[in-house]
Amino acid sequence: MQDAQPRIAVNSRILWGIIALMATTDVFAYRETGLGIDFHGSFRAFFILPLIVAVQFYYRYFRPDRWIATGAESCAQIASILLLGMMLTYPLATLAFPYQDHALHAMDVWLGLDWQAYLDFLNASPALGLLSKAVYCSMQLQYPLVILALTASSRFLRLQQYILTVLIALAMTLVIFTFMPAVGAYAYLRVPAEHYANLAPIVTFEQMQHLEAMRNGTWSVIRDMEGLISFPSFHTISAILFSWALFPFKKLRWWVLTLNAALIASTPVQGAHYFIDVLGGALVAVFAVLTAPHLMRAFERFAGKQSAGWQQGLDAAE
């Protein structure tokens, strides 16, 4: 673990640098689109982040505890990445590329997958509806679970690699969303409320309302954030990344795999996703997992060259 400390320090600095770049991009995007933020709404997380960072600094420099410091820093990094990424969807939505619901639904039909029939199947059982909602919402609890498990087991490099996979997957998702926006299955198929009366889905028509508000310029201030991304499904991405991150833990492995398989199964109905959104999310997640280790090694090589060049400069000056 001691030998890995320089690598961990390099990766941490680079992750914070990317987060700073994301924040700068958000500020620029909001300024260019004339959008504002109401911090009394969903953005209250902004006020929690400084507290988490303060905990990290306290346990790193004043009362050293590597595990608490690393856990707090990782929480701050993940929260920052997800919050800044979600914020960016709103100015990106103002670009108003054509909706792709027709193409996404057509892909489902081509694959032989009937979204309406799946909705009717889950709606027929209130117990299944309740279960699908519970597992869909488990995403928010699994982020701290991953950080806790990897930190407590001293898998610090794997934790950083996990954070990087989230970052890669989110970046890809934002790019795809920009050019392939969609209002979601409920809005496109015009599903009547009685067809999901036993489900109380997390997302139905809200996604379309927020997208339309960005396209029409009827909102100048964002008060409450909603997930705007249909394709690819970020819940599916998260479920696969949770499973990958926690796979080394034999006592957790099958529980986590089962939970996340259920999470993915709930995504079309609870998140207004097409089935092709789920497949797209799976491909993005796999790409992120395969790419992250190579990117980390590239970061470390770059940092090593920079450090060597800086040392040579000092030697020459002497």
C-alpha atoms as a PDB file:
ATOM      1  CA  MET A   1       0.000   0.000   0.000  1.00  0.00           C
ATOM      2  CA  GLN A   2       2.906   2.314   0.793  1.00  0.00           C
ATOM      3  CA  ASP A   3       4.390   1.770  -2.674  1.00  0.00           C
ATOM      4  CA  ALA A   4       1.110   2.852  -4.249  1.00  0.00           C
ATOM      5  CA  GLN A   5       0.967   6.164  -2.367  1.00  0.00           C
ATOM      6  CA  PRO A   6       2.692   8.268  -5.092  1.00  0.00           C
ATOM      7  CA  ARG A   7       0.286   6.855  -7.692  1.00  0.00           C
ATOM      8  CA  ILE A   8      -2.696   7.593  -5.458  1.00  0.00           C
ATOM      9  CA  ALA A   9      -1.503  11.188  -4.923  1.00  0.00           C
ATOM     10  CA  VAL A  10      -1.041  11.736  -8.690  1.00  0.00           C
ATOM     11  CA  ASN A  11      -4.465  10.295  -9.512  1.00  0.00           C
ATOM     12  CA  SER A  12      -6.102  12.430  -6.826  1.00  0.00           C
ATOM     13  CA  ARG A  13      -4.612  15.649  -8.191  1.00  0.00           C
ATOM     14  CA  ILE A  14      -5.668  14.785 -11.743  1.00  0.00           C
ATOM     15  CA  LEU A  15      -9.218  13.902 -10.669  1.00  0.00           C
ATOM     16  CA  TRP A  16      -9.534  17.229  -8.863  1.00  0.00           C
ATOM     17  CA  GLY A  17      -8.137  18.978 -11.923  1.00  0.00           C
ATOM     18  CA  ILE A  18     -10.802  17.377 -14.135  1.00  0.00           C
ATOM     19  CA  ILE A  19     -13.499  18.342 -11.636  1.00  0.00           C
ATOM     20  CA  ALA A  20     -12.239  21.947 -11.713  1.00  0.00           C
ATOM     21  CA  LEU A  21     -12.457  21.836 -15.518  1.00  0.00           C
ATOM     22  CA  MET A  22     -16.030  20.528 -15.286  1.00  0.00           C
ATOM     23  CA  ALA A  23     -16.956  23.367 -12.918  1.00  0.00           C
ATOM     24  CA  THR A  24     -15.428  25.921 -15.294  1.00  0.00           C
ATOM     25  CA  THR A  25     -17.349  24.378 -18.208  1.00  0.00           C
ATOM     26  CA  ASP A  26     -20.596  24.598 -16.232  1.00  0.00           C
ATOM     27  CA  VAL A  27     -20.031  28.253 -15.358  1.00  0.00           C
ATOM     28  CA  PHE A  28     -19.283  29.074 -18.995  1.00  0.00           C
ATOM     29  CA  ALA A  29     -22.287  27.079 -20.268  1.00  0.00           C
ATOM     30  CA  TYR A  30     -24.722  28.716 -17.862  1.00  0.00           C
ATOM     31  CA  ARG A  31     -23.357  32.150 -18.686  1.00  0.00           C
ATOM     32  CA  GLU A  32     -23.624  31.588 -22.436  1.00  0.00           C
ATOM     33  CA  THR A  33     -27.184  30.253 -22.239  1.00  0.00           C
ATOM     34  CA  GLY A  34     -28.378  32.863 -19.743  1.00  0.00           C
ATOM     35  CA  LEU A  35     -29.443  30.244 -17.223  1.00  0.00           C
ATOM     36  CA  GLY A  36     -29.328  30.710 -13.468  1.00  0.00           C
ATOM     37  CA  ILE A  37     -29.521  28.444 -10.437  1.00  0.00           C
ATOM     38  CA  ASP A  38     -31.801  28.540  -7.414  1.00  0.00           C
ATOM     39  CA  PHE A  39     -29.646  27.146  -4.625  1.00  0.00           C
ATOM     40  CA  HIS A  40     -32.697  26.484  -2.442  1.00  0.00           C
ATOM     41  CA  GLY A  41     -33.733  23.596  -4.669  1.00  0.00           C
ATOM     42  CA  SER A  42     -31.800  20.499  -5.705  1.00  0.00           C
ATOM     43  CA  PHE A  43     -28.514  22.359  -5.509  1.00  0.00           C
ATOM     44  CA  ARG A  44     -28.313  22.213  -1.726  1.00  0.00           C
ATOM     45  CA  ALA A  45     -25.637  19.552  -2.258  1.00  0.00           C
ATOM     46  CA  PHE A  46     -23.307  22.475  -3.005  1.00  0.00           C
ATOM     47  CA  PHE A  47     -23.401  23.374   0.674  1.00  0.00           C
ATOM     48  CA  ILE A  48     -22.621  19.810   1.788  1.00  0.00           C
ATOM     49  CA  LEU A  49     -19.534  19.457  -0.405  1.00  0.00           C
ATOM     50  CA  PRO A  50     -17.386  21.994   1.523  1.00  0.00           C
ATOM     51  CA  LEU A  51     -18.171  20.082   4.734  1.00  0.00           C
ATOM     52  CA  ILE A  52     -16.979  16.803   3.201  1.00  0.00           C
ATOM     53  CA  VAL A  53     -13.803  18.487   1.927  1.00  0.00           C
ATOM     54  CA  ALA A  54     -13.213  19.969   5.396  1.00  0.00           C
ATOM     55  CA  VAL A  55     -13.433  16.461   6.902  1.00  0.00           C
ATOM     56  CA  GLN A  56     -10.896  15.264   4.353  1.00  0.00           C
ATOM     57  CA  PHE A  57      -8.413  18.022   5.191  1.00  0.00           C
ATOM     58  CA  TYR A  58      -8.833  17.554   8.943  1.00  0.00           C
ATOM     59  CA  TYR A  59      -8.090  13.822   8.790  1.00  0.00           C
ATOM     60  CA  ARG A  60      -5.291  14.250   6.286  1.00  0.00           C
ATOM     61  CA  TYR A  61      -3.325  17.063   7.922  1.00  0.00           C
ATOM     62  CA  PHE A  62      -4.463  17.627  11.535  1.00  0.00           C
ATOM     63  CA  ARG A  63      -5.453  14.197  12.810  1.00  0.00           C
ATOM     64  CA  PRO A  64      -4.064  11.849  10.155  1.00  0.00           C
ATOM     65  CA  ASP A  65      -6.304   8.934   9.306  1.00  0.00           C
ATOM     66  CA  ARG A  66      -5.743   7.706   5.798  1.00  0.00           C
ATOM     67  CA  TRP A  67      -8.988   5.758   5.594  1.00  0.00           C
ATOM     68  CA  ILE A  68     -11.295   8.581   6.708  1.00  0.00           C
ATOM     69  CA  ALA A  69      -9.428  11.140   4.583  1.00  0.00           C
ATOM     70  CA  THR A  70      -9.589   8.931   1.477  1.00  0.00           C
ATOM     71  CA  GLY A  71     -13.250   8.079   2.025  1.00  0.00           C
ATOM     72  CA  ALA A  72     -14.214  11.737   2.485  1.00  0.00           C
ATOM     73  CA  GLU A  73     -12.199  12.825  -0.552  1.00  0.00           C
ATOM     74  CA  SER A  74     -13.769  10.100  -2.708  1.00  0.00           C
ATOM     75  CA  CYS A  75     -17.270  11.119  -1.560  1.00  0.00           C
ATOM     76  CA  ALA A  76     -16.509  14.725  -2.487  1.00  0.00           C
ATOM     77  CA  GLN A  77     -15.141  13.717  -5.891  1.00  0.00           C
ATOM     78  CA  ILE A  78     -18.077  11.455  -6.805  1.00  0.00           C
ATOM     79  CA  ALA A  79     -20.644  13.998  -5.576  1.00  0.00           C
ATOM     80  CA  SER A  80     -18.941  16.784  -7.525  1.00  0.00           C
ATOM     81  CA  ILE A  81     -18.742  14.763 -10.729  1.00  0.00           C
ATOM     82  CA  LEU A  82     -22.398  13.696 -10.611  1.00  0.00           C
ATOM     83  CA  LEU A  83     -23.709  17.123  -9.609  1.00  0.00           C
ATOM     84  CA  LEU A  84     -21.693  19.024 -12.207  1.00  0.00           C
ATOM     85  CA  GLY A  85     -22.615  16.490 -14.882  1.00  0.00           C
ATOM     86  CA  MET A  86     -26.327  16.765 -14.122  1.00  0.00           C
ATOM     87  CA  MET A  87     -26.083  20.554 -14.107  1.00  0.00           C
ATOM     88  CA  LEU A  88     -24.509  20.500 -17.553  1.00  0.00           C
ATOM     89  CA  THR A  89     -27.464  18.635 -19.079  1.00  0.00           C
ATOM     90  CA  TYR A  90     -29.604  21.787 -18.870  1.00  0.00           C
ATOM     91  CA  PRO A  91     -27.479  24.116 -21.034  1.00  0.00           C
ATOM     92  CA  LEU A  92     -26.786  21.180 -23.370  1.00  0.00           C
ATOM     93  CA  ALA A  93     -30.545  20.726 -23.766  1.00  0.00           C
ATOM     94  CA  THR A  94     -30.827  24.287 -25.120  1.00  0.00           C
ATOM     95  CA  LEU A  95     -28.933  23.168 -28.239  1.00  0.00           C
ATOM     96  CA  ALA A  96     -32.215  21.497 -29.211  1.00  0.00           C
ATOM     97  CA  PHE A  97     -31.036  18.698 -31.462  1.00  0.00           C
ATOM     98  CA  PRO A  98     -34.000  16.693 -32.853  1.00  0.00           C
ATOM     99  CA  TYR A  99     -35.656  14.226 -30.484  1.00  0.00           C
ATOM    100  CA  GLN A 100     -34.717  10.622 -31.238  1.00  0.00           C
ATOM    101  CA  ASP A 101     -37.663   8.851 -29.621  1.00  0.00           C
ATOM    102  CA  HIS A 102     -38.899   7.483 -32.936  1.00  0.00           C
ATOM    103  CA  ALA A 103     -35.529   5.868 -33.661  1.00  0.00           C
ATOM    104  CA  LEU A 104     -35.105   4.536 -30.110  1.00  0.00           C
ATOM    105  CA  HIS A 105     -38.599   3.046 -30.033  1.00  0.00           C
ATOM    106  CA  ALA A 106     -38.062   1.583 -33.505  1.00  0.00           C
ATOM    107  CA  MET A 107     -34.928  -0.175 -32.232  1.00  0.00           C
ATOM    108  CA  ASP A 108     -36.969  -1.714 -29.416  1.00  0.00           C
ATOM    109  CA  VAL A 109     -39.522  -2.963 -31.933  1.00  0.00           C
ATOM    110  CA  TRP A 110     -36.761  -4.333 -34.181  1.00  0.00           C
ATOM    111  CA  LEU A 111     -35.353  -6.219 -31.186  1.00  0.00           C
ATOM    112  CA  GLY A 112     -38.790  -7.672 -30.514  1.00  0.00           C
ATOM    113  CA  LEU A 113     -39.168  -5.878 -27.170  1.00  0.00           C
ATOM    114  CA  ASP A 114     -42.601  -4.516 -26.241  1.00  0.00           C
ATOM    115  CA  TRP A 115     -42.254  -1.644 -23.756  1.00  0.00           C
ATOM    116  CA  GLN A 116     -46.024  -1.290 -23.200  1.00  0.00           C
ATOM    117  CA  ALA A 117     -46.388  -5.015 -22.452  1.00  0.00           C
ATOM    118  CA  TYR A 118     -43.553  -4.797 -19.918  1.00  0.00           C
ATOM    119  CA  LEU A 119     -45.256  -1.840 -18.236  1.00  0.00           C
ATOM    120  CA  ASP A 120     -48.553  -3.744 -18.062  1.00  0.00           C
ATOM    121  CA  PHE A 121     -46.786  -6.789 -16.579  1.00  0.00           C
ATOM    122  CA  LEU A 122     -45.249  -4.784 -13.722  1.00  0.00           C
ATOM    123  CA  ASN A 123     -48.356  -2.694 -13.164  1.00  0.00           C
ATOM    124  CA  ALA A 124     -50.434  -5.866 -12.734  1.00  0.00           C
ATOM    125  CA  SER A 125     -48.608  -6.611  -9.477  1.00  0.00           C
ATOM    126  CA  PRO A 126     -48.417  -3.859  -6.816  1.00  0.00           C
ATOM    127  CA  ALA A 127     -45.665  -5.845  -5.056  1.00  0.00           C
ATOM    128  CA  LEU A 128     -43.522  -5.879  -8.209  1.00  0.00           C
ATOM    129  CA  GLY A 129     -44.189  -2.185  -8.679  1.00  0.00           C
ATOM    130  CA  LEU A 130     -43.031  -1.412  -5.140  1.00  0.00           C
ATOM    131  CA  LEU A 131     -39.953  -3.606  -5.549  1.00  0.00           C
ATOM    132  CA  SER A 132     -38.998  -1.995  -8.863  1.00  0.00           C
ATOM    133  CA  LYS A 133     -39.188   1.460  -7.282  1.00  0.00           C
ATOM    134  CA  ALA A 134     -37.088   0.415  -4.284  1.00  0.00           C
ATOM    135  CA  VAL A 135     -34.291  -1.104  -6.351  1.00  0.00           C
ATOM    136  CA  TYR A 136     -34.313   1.832  -8.774  1.00  0.00           C
ATOM    137  CA  CYS A 137     -33.800   4.244  -5.866  1.00  0.00           C
ATOM    138  CA  SER A 138     -30.999   2.080  -4.431  1.00  0.00           C
ATOM    139  CA  MET A 139     -28.572   3.805  -6.807  1.00  0.00           C
ATOM    140  CA  GLN A 140     -28.167   6.711  -4.394  1.00  0.00           C
ATOM    141  CA  LEU A 141     -27.229   4.351  -1.549  1.00  0.00           C
ATOM    142  CA  GLN A 142     -24.823   2.265  -3.594  1.00  0.00           C
ATOM    143  CA  TYR A 143     -22.427   5.139  -4.286  1.00  0.00           C
ATOM    144  CA  PRO A 144     -21.487   5.486  -0.579  1.00  0.00           C
ATOM    145  CA  LEU A 145     -21.513   1.679  -0.238  1.00  0.00           C
ATOM    146  CA  VAL A 146     -18.843   1.339  -2.940  1.00  0.00           C
ATOM    147  CA  ILE A 147     -16.708   4.061  -1.354  1.00  0.00           C
ATOM    148  CA  LEU A 148     -17.069   2.549   2.128  1.00  0.00           C
ATOM    149  CA  ALA A 149     -16.235  -0.995   1.010  1.00  0.00           C
ATOM    150  CA  LEU A 150     -13.205  -0.046  -1.093  1.00  0.00           C
ATOM    151  CA  THR A 151     -11.867   2.365   1.522  1.00  0.00           C
ATOM    152  CA  ALA A 152     -12.309  -0.012   4.461  1.00  0.00           C
ATOM    153  CA  SER A 153     -10.474  -2.760   2.529  1.00  0.00           C
ATOM    154  CA  SER A 154      -7.631  -0.360   1.566  1.00  0.00           C
ATOM    155  CA  ARG A 155      -8.343  -0.782  -2.147  1.00  0.00           C
ATOM    156  CA  PHE A 156      -7.501   2.862  -2.772  1.00  0.00           C
ATOM    157  CA  LEU A 157      -6.306   2.485  -6.367  1.00  0.00           C
ATOM    158  CA  ARG A 158      -9.415   0.510  -7.307  1.00  0.00           C
ATOM    159  CA  LEU A 159     -11.517   3.232  -5.699  1.00  0.00           C
ATOM    160  CA  GLN A 160      -9.803   5.873  -7.835  1.00  0.00           C
ATOM    161  CA  GLN A 161     -10.239   3.694 -10.902  1.00  0.00           C
ATOM    162  CA  TYR A 162     -13.944   3.403 -10.075  1.00  0.00           C
ATOM    163  CA  ILE A 163     -14.269   7.197  -9.816  1.00  0.00           C
ATOM    164  CA  LEU A 164     -12.528   7.509 -13.172  1.00  0.00           C
ATOM    165  CA  THR A 165     -14.905   4.985 -14.780  1.00  0.00           C
ATOM    166  CA  VAL A 166     -17.850   7.086 -13.548  1.00  0.00           C
ATOM    167  CA  LEU A 167     -16.206  10.175 -15.024  1.00  0.00           C
ATOM    168  CA  ILE A 168     -15.550   8.519 -18.395  1.00  0.00           C
ATOM    169  CA  ALA A 169     -19.059   7.080 -18.586  1.00  0.00           C
ATOM    170  CA  LEU A 170     -20.644  10.403 -17.642  1.00  0.00           C
ATOM    171  CA  ALA A 171     -18.622  12.282 -20.251  1.00  0.00           C
ATOM    172  CA  MET A 172     -19.703   9.823 -22.955  1.00  0.00           C
ATOM    173  CA  THR A 173     -23.314   9.993 -21.775  1.00  0.00           C
ATOM    174  CA  LEU A 174     -23.369  13.786 -21.951  1.00  0.00           C
ATOM    175  CA  VAL A 175     -21.996  13.789 -25.495  1.00  0.00           C
ATOM    176  CA  ILE A 176     -24.521  11.194 -26.679  1.00  0.00           C
ATOM    177  CA  PHE A 177     -27.380  12.976 -24.888  1.00  0.00           C
ATOM    178  CA  THR A 178     -26.521  16.255 -26.622  1.00  0.00           C
ATOM    179  CA  PHE A 179     -27.001  14.784 -30.098  1.00  0.00           C
ATOM    180  CA  MET A 180     -29.653  12.177 -29.232  1.00  0.00           C
ATOM    181  CA  PRO A 181     -32.110  13.740 -26.760  1.00  0.00           C
ATOM    182  CA  ALA A 182     -35.417  11.997 -26.099  1.00  0.00           C
ATOM    183  CA  VAL A 183     -38.565  12.820 -24.141  1.00  0.00           C
ATOM    184  CA  GLY A 184     -38.858   9.291 -22.767  1.00  0.00           C
ATOM    185  CA  ALA A 185     -41.197   6.358 -23.260  1.00  0.00           C
ATOM    186  CA  TYR A 186     -44.188   7.663 -21.271  1.00  0.00           C
ATOM    187  CA  ALA A 187     -44.336  10.943 -23.179  1.00  0.00           C
ATOM    188  CA  TYR A 188     -43.581   9.513 -26.628  1.00  0.00           C
ATOM    189  CA  LEU A 189     -46.071   6.642 -26.309  1.00  0.00           C
ATOM    190  CA  ARG A 190     -48.600   8.913 -24.549  1.00  0.00           C
ATOM    191  CA  VAL A 191     -49.237   6.376 -21.821  1.00  0.00           C
ATOM    192  CA  PRO A 192     -52.407   7.095 -19.813  1.00  0.00           C
ATOM    193  CA  ALA A 193     -52.025   7.376 -16.035  1.00  0.00           C
ATOM    194  CA  GLU A 194     -54.231   4.350 -15.387  1.00  0.00           C
ATOM    195  CA  HIS A 195     -51.677   2.142 -17.139  1.00  0.00           C
ATOM    196  CA  TYR A 196     -49.160   2.731 -14.346  1.00  0.00           C
ATOM    197  CA  ALA A 197     -51.490   3.349 -11.407  1.00  0.00           C
ATOM    198  CA  ASN A 198     -49.797   0.647  -9.262  1.00  0.00           C
ATOM    199  CA  LEU A 199     -46.258   1.757 -10.038  1.00  0.00           C
ATOM    200  CA  ALA A 200     -45.881   5.460  -9.187  1.00  0.00           C
ATOM    201  CA  PRO A 201     -42.797   5.679 -11.479  1.00  0.00           C
ATOM    202  CA  ILE A 202     -39.939   8.005 -10.585  1.00  0.00           C
ATOM    203  CA  VAL A 203     -39.943   9.575 -14.074  1.00  0.00           C
ATOM    204  CA  THR A 204     -42.903   9.874 -16.437  1.00  0.00           C
ATOM    205  CA  PHE A 205     -43.520  13.182 -18.228  1.00  0.00           C
ATOM    206  CA  GLU A 206     -41.170  15.426 -16.180  1.00  0.00           C
ATOM    207  CA  GLN A 207     -38.269  14.811 -18.528  1.00  0.00           C
ATOM    208  CA  MET A 208     -40.218  16.160 -21.508  1.00  0.00           C
ATOM    209  CA  GLN A 209     -41.366  19.219 -19.534  1.00  0.00           C
ATOM    210  CA  HIS A 210     -37.816  20.155 -18.567  1.00  0.00           C
ATOM    211  CA  LEU A 211     -36.431  19.537 -22.050  1.00  0.00           C
ATOM    212  CA  GLU A 212     -39.159  21.631 -23.629  1.00  0.00           C
ATOM    213  CA  ALA A 213     -38.558  24.437 -21.136  1.00  0.00           C
ATOM    214  CA  MET A 214     -34.878  24.512 -22.139  1.00  0.00           C
ATOM    215  CA  ARG A 215     -35.718  24.483 -25.849  1.00  0.00           C
ATOM    216  CA  ASN A 216     -38.373  27.201 -25.588  1.00  0.00           C
ATOM    217  CA  GLY A 217     -36.454  29.423 -23.213  1.00  0.00           C
ATOM    218  CA  THR A 218     -39.368  29.504 -20.763  1.00  0.00           C
ATOM    219  CA  TRP A 219     -37.065  28.842 -17.794  1.00  0.00           C
ATOM    220  CA  SER A 220     -34.225  31.172 -16.935  1.00  0.00           C
ATOM    221  CA  VAL A 221     -33.622  29.732 -13.452  1.00  0.00           C
ATOM    222  CA  ILE A 222     -33.187  26.034 -12.651  1.00  0.00           C
ATOM    223  CA  ARG A 223     -34.841  25.239  -9.330  1.00  0.00           C
ATOM    224  CA  ASP A 224     -35.178  21.467  -9.214  1.00  0.00           C
ATOM    225  CA  MET A 225     -33.102  19.121 -11.274  1.00  0.00           C
ATOM    226  CA  GLU A 226     -34.609  16.141 -13.070  1.00  0.00           C
ATOM    227  CA  GLY A 227     -32.737  13.492 -14.984  1.00  0.00           C
ATOM    228  CA  LEU A 228     -32.930  14.598 -18.620  1.00  0.00           C
ATOM    229  CA  ILE A 229     -30.964  11.761 -20.185  1.00  0.00           C
ATOM    230  CA  SER A 230     -32.812   8.899 -21.843  1.00  0.00           C
ATOM    231  CA  PHE A 231     -30.173   7.353 -24.104  1.00  0.00           C
ATOM    232  CA  PRO A 232     -27.951   5.877 -22.756  1.00  0.00           C
ATOM    233  CA  SER A 233     -29.411   4.925 -19.378  1.00  0.00           C
ATOM    234  CA  PHE A 234     -27.143   6.230 -16.612  1.00  0.00           C
ATOM    235  CA  HIS A 235     -28.907   4.000 -14.061  1.00  0.00           C
ATOM    236  CA  THR A 236     -27.807   1.009 -16.120  1.00  0.00           C
ATOM    237  CA  ILE A 237     -24.272   2.414 -16.309  1.00  0.00           C
ATOM    238  CA  SER A 238     -24.208   2.918 -12.541  1.00  0.00           C
ATOM    239  CA  ALA A 239     -25.534  -0.590 -11.847  1.00  0.00           C
ATOM    240  CA  ILE A 240     -22.792  -2.201 -13.938  1.00  0.00           C
ATOM    241  CA  LEU A 241     -20.078  -0.021 -12.393  1.00  0.00           C
ATOM    242  CA  PHE A 242     -21.325  -0.835  -8.869  1.00  0.00           C
ATOM    243  CA  SER A 243     -21.142  -4.540  -9.704  1.00  0.00           C
ATOM    244  CA  TRP A 244     -17.660  -4.215 -11.166  1.00  0.00           C
ATOM    245  CA  ALA A 245     -16.340  -2.170  -8.216  1.00  0.00           C
ATOM    246  CA  LEU A 246     -17.636  -4.595  -5.571  1.00  0.00           C
ATOM    247  CA  PHE A 247     -16.989  -7.847  -7.443  1.00  0.00           C
ATOM    248  CA  PRO A 248     -13.804  -8.680  -5.454  1.00  0.00           C
ATOM    249  CA  PHE A 249     -15.854  -8.911  -2.223  1.00  0.00           C
ATOM    250  CA  LYS A 250     -17.017 -12.524  -2.110  1.00  0.00           C
ATOM    251  CA  LYS A 251     -19.514 -11.928   0.715  1.00  0.00           C
ATOM    252  CA  LEU A 252     -21.116  -9.037  -1.158  1.00  0.00           C
ATOM    253  CA  ARG A 253     -20.724 -10.229  -4.743  1.00  0.00           C
ATOM    254  CA  TRP A 254     -23.964 -12.088  -5.361  1.00  0.00           C
ATOM    255  CA  TRP A 255     -26.066  -9.687  -3.298  1.00  0.00           C
ATOM    256  CA  VAL A 256     -24.727  -6.771  -5.327  1.00  0.00           C
ATOM    257  CA  LEU A 257     -25.115  -8.559  -8.657  1.00  0.00           C
ATOM    258  CA  THR A 258     -28.714  -9.512  -7.822  1.00  0.00           C
ATOM    259  CA  LEU A 259     -29.602  -6.010  -6.637  1.00  0.00           C
ATOM    260  CA  ASN A 260     -28.151  -4.384  -9.738  1.00  0.00           C
ATOM    261  CA  ALA A 261     -29.736  -6.880 -12.112  1.00  0.00           C
ATOM    262  CA  ALA A 262     -33.059  -5.871 -10.527  1.00  0.00           C
ATOM    263  CA  LEU A 263     -32.092  -2.196 -10.813  1.00  0.00           C
ATOM    264  CA  ILE A 264     -31.470  -2.605 -14.533  1.00  0.00           C
ATOM    265  CA  ALA A 265     -34.753  -4.503 -14.930  1.00  0.00           C
ATOM    266  CA  SER A 266     -36.630  -1.649 -13.236  1.00  0.00           C
ATOM    267  CA  THR A 267     -35.033   1.057 -15.392  1.00  0.00           C
ATOM    268  CA  PRO A 268     -37.396   1.017 -18.421  1.00  0.00           C
ATOM    269  CA  VAL A 269     -40.504   1.519 -16.293  1.00  0.00           C
ATOM    270  CA  GLN A 270     -39.203   3.589 -13.370  1.00  0.00           C
ATOM    271  CA  GLY A 271     -36.953   5.802 -15.502  1.00  0.00           C
ATOM    272  CA  ALA A 272     -39.074   6.098 -18.676  1.00  0.00           C
ATOM    273  CA  HIS A 273     -36.302   4.424 -20.656  1.00  0.00           C
ATOM    274  CA  TYR A 274     -36.522   2.439 -23.849  1.00  0.00           C
ATOM    275  CA  PHE A 275     -34.919  -1.000 -23.785  1.00  0.00           C
ATOM    276  CA  ILE A 276     -32.263   0.248 -26.199  1.00  0.00           C
ATOM    277  CA  ASP A 277     -31.305   2.864 -23.587  1.00  0.00           C
ATOM    278  CA  VAL A 278     -30.383  -0.013 -21.274  1.00  0.00           C
ATOM    279  CA  LEU A 279     -28.269  -1.699 -23.956  1.00  0.00           C
ATOM    280  CA  GLY A 280     -26.563   1.614 -24.737  1.00  0.00           C
ATOM    281  CA  GLY A 281     -25.822   2.155 -21.045  1.00  0.00           C
ATOM    282  CA  ALA A 282     -24.298  -1.316 -20.777  1.00  0.00           C
ATOM    283  CA  LEU A 283     -21.966  -0.645 -23.719  1.00  0.00           C
ATOM    284  CA  VAL A 284     -20.871   2.703 -22.256  1.00  0.00           C
ATOM    285  CA  ALA A 285     -20.182   1.076 -18.863  1.00  0.00           C
ATOM    286  CA  VAL A 286     -18.076  -1.703 -20.390  1.00  0.00           C
ATOM    287  CA  PHE A 287     -16.098   0.831 -22.424  1.00  0.00           C
ATOM    288  CA  ALA A 288     -15.448   2.924 -19.295  1.00  0.00           C
ATOM    289  CA  VAL A 289     -14.251  -0.104 -17.298  1.00  0.00           C
ATOM    290  CA  LEU A 290     -11.882  -1.152 -20.095  1.00  0.00           C
ATOM    291  CA  THR A 291     -10.581   2.375 -20.697  1.00  0.00           C
ATOM    292  CA  ALA A 292     -10.033   3.573 -17.108  1.00  0.00           C
ATOM    293  CA  PRO A 293      -6.869   1.545 -16.286  1.00  0.00           C
ATOM    294  CA  HIS A 294      -5.141   2.692 -19.484  1.00  0.00           C
ATOM    295  CA  LEU A 295      -6.086   6.293 -18.770  1.00  0.00           C
ATOM    296  CA  MET A 296      -4.784   6.034 -15.197  1.00  0.00           C
ATOM    297  CA  ARG A 297      -1.448   4.719 -16.428  1.00  0.00           C
ATOM    298  CA  ALA A 298      -1.296   7.563 -18.953  1.00  0.00           C
ATOM    299  CA  PHE A 299      -1.945  10.065 -16.141  1.00  0.00           C
ATOM    300  CA  GLU A 300       0.836   8.547 -14.052  1.00  0.00           C
ATOM    301  CA  ARG A 301       3.322   8.542 -16.947  1.00  0.00           C
ATOM    302  CA  PHE A 302       2.490  12.160 -17.709  1.00  0.00           C
ATOM    303  CA  ALA A 303       2.926  13.151 -14.067  1.00  0.00           C
ATOM    304  CA  GLY A 304       6.231  11.269 -13.930  1.00  0.00           C
ATOM    305  CA  LYS A 305       7.564  13.109 -16.979  1.00  0.00           C
ATOM    306  CA  GLN A 306       6.436  16.447 -15.569  1.00  0.00           C
ATOM    307  CA  SER A 307       8.137  15.689 -12.261  1.00  0.00           C
ATOM    308  CA  ALA A 308      11.351  14.607 -13.996  1.00  0.00           C
ATOM    309  CA  GLY A 309      11.371  17.755 -16.132  1.00  0.00           C
ATOM    310  CA  TRP A 310      10.826  19.934 -13.046  1.00  0.00           C
ATOM    311  CA  GLN A 311      13.701  18.197 -11.230  1.00  0.00           C
ATOM    312  CA  GLN A 312      16.029  18.609 -14.221  1.00  0.00           C
ATOM    313  CA  GLY A 313      15.173  22.323 -14.251  1.00  0.00           C
ATOM    314  CA  LEU A 314      16.121  22.619 -10.584  1.00  0.00           C
ATOM    315  CA  ASP A 315      19.400  20.774 -11.194  1.00  0.00           C
ATOM    316  CA  ALA A 316      20.245  23.036 -14.124  1.00  0.00           C
ATOM    317  CA  ALA A 317      19.501  26.146 -12.050  1.00  0.00           C
ATOM    318  CA  GLU A 318      21.874  24.970  -9.340  1.00  0.00           C
END
